[in-house]
Amino acid sequence: MKKEYEVKDPVVDRVIRKFTDRSNLGFEKYGQSLHHERTTGIKDLVGYLNDIQEELMDAVLYIQAAREELQDLSEESLIQKFNDEEAI
């Protein structure tokens, strides 16, 4: 089932492509769609809520790791700038 959409915003277009790619990857990994999972009772509301909670917990960890990486990069940049100024 392929649908075409006219998207004027390239950011939205990239997000749609990422959703499509992720959906296809999930289908390859699990052999079923979310629709099939829901309509056949493989997963119920509690299962979806658990998945959401776990994904959001992971997201918080990724945010923290990204913040620490940004901090490290900022500190490295300041050290490099200081070293470059001392060399002059």
Protein backbone atom coordinates (compact mmCIF):
# COMPACT_ATOMS: atom_id res chain seq x y z
CA MET A 1 0.00 0.00 0.00
CA LYS A 2 1.97 2.96 -1.30
CA LYS A 3 0.59 6.45 -0.92
CA GLU A 4 1.98 9.64 -2.34
CA TYR A 5 1.84 12.90 -0.41
CA GLU A 6 2.66 16.39 -1.53
CA VAL A 7 4.84 17.90 1.15
CA LYS A 8 5.91 21.50 0.89
CA ASP A 9 8.21 21.48 3.90
CA PRO A 10 11.45 19.49 3.43
CA VAL A 11 11.74 18.95 7.19
CA VAL A 12 8.33 17.28 7.25
CA ASP A 13 9.33 15.22 4.21
CA ARG A 14 12.45 13.94 5.99
CA VAL A 15 10.41 13.02 9.07
CA ILE A 16 7.87 11.13 6.94
CA ARG A 17 10.70 9.22 5.26
CA LYS A 18 12.19 8.34 8.66
CA PHE A 19 8.81 7.07 9.87
CA THR A 20 8.47 4.95 6.72
CA ASP A 21 12.00 3.57 7.04
CA ARG A 22 11.46 2.78 10.72
CA SER A 23 8.14 1.06 10.01
CA ASN A 24 9.74 -1.08 7.31
CA LEU A 25 12.62 -1.98 9.61
CA GLY A 26 10.19 -2.97 12.35
CA PHE A 27 8.25 -5.13 9.92
CA GLU A 28 11.46 -6.86 8.84
CA LYS A 29 12.52 -7.37 12.46
CA TYR A 30 9.17 -8.54 13.89
CA GLY A 31 7.42 -9.88 10.77
CA GLN A 32 4.22 -7.95 11.41
CA SER A 33 2.80 -4.45 11.41
CA LEU A 34 1.51 -2.51 14.39
CA HIS A 35 -1.93 -2.78 12.82
CA HIS A 36 -1.71 -6.58 12.80
CA GLU A 37 -0.35 -6.62 16.33
CA ARG A 38 -3.26 -4.52 17.57
CA THR A 39 -6.12 -6.09 15.61
CA THR A 40 -5.13 -9.66 16.40
CA GLY A 41 -4.70 -8.99 20.12
CA ILE A 42 -0.98 -9.73 20.17
CA LYS A 43 -0.58 -6.60 22.25
CA ASP A 44 -3.18 -4.79 24.33
CA LEU A 45 -3.42 -1.30 25.77
CA VAL A 46 -1.26 -2.17 28.78
CA GLY A 47 1.41 -3.53 26.45
CA TYR A 48 1.41 -0.34 24.40
CA LEU A 49 1.58 1.81 27.52
CA ASN A 50 4.55 -0.22 28.77
CA ASP A 51 6.27 0.21 25.39
CA ILE A 52 5.67 3.97 25.50
CA GLN A 53 7.02 4.23 29.03
CA GLU A 54 10.15 2.24 28.16
CA GLU A 55 10.78 4.28 25.00
CA LEU A 56 10.40 7.55 26.90
CA MET A 57 12.76 6.33 29.61
CA ASP A 58 15.29 5.50 26.89
CA ALA A 59 14.75 8.95 25.38
CA VAL A 60 15.61 10.61 28.70
CA LEU A 61 18.83 8.60 28.84
CA TYR A 62 19.71 9.62 25.28
CA ILE A 63 19.06 13.27 26.15
CA GLN A 64 21.38 13.04 29.14
CA ALA A 65 24.11 11.33 27.10
CA ALA A 66 23.79 13.99 24.38
CA ARG A 67 24.04 16.76 26.99
CA GLU A 68 27.19 15.21 28.41
CA GLU A 69 28.64 14.82 24.91
CA LEU A 70 27.88 18.48 24.17
CA GLN A 71 29.52 19.49 27.45
CA ASP A 72 32.62 17.44 26.60
CA LEU A 73 32.78 19.01 23.14
CA SER A 74 32.41 22.51 24.61
CA GLU A 75 35.18 21.87 27.13
CA GLU A 76 37.44 20.41 24.43
CA SER A 77 36.77 23.44 22.22
CA LEU A 78 37.68 25.85 25.03
CA ILE A 79 40.87 23.92 25.81
CA GLN A 80 41.83 23.91 22.12
CA LYS A 81 41.14 27.64 21.83
CA PHE A 82 43.25 28.31 24.93
CA ASN A 83 46.10 26.19 23.54
CA ASP A 84 45.91 27.92 20.17
CA GLU A 85 46.10 31.35 21.85
CA GLU A 86 49.09 30.30 23.96
CA ALA A 87 50.93 29.15 20.83
CA ILE A 88 50.72 32.66 19.33
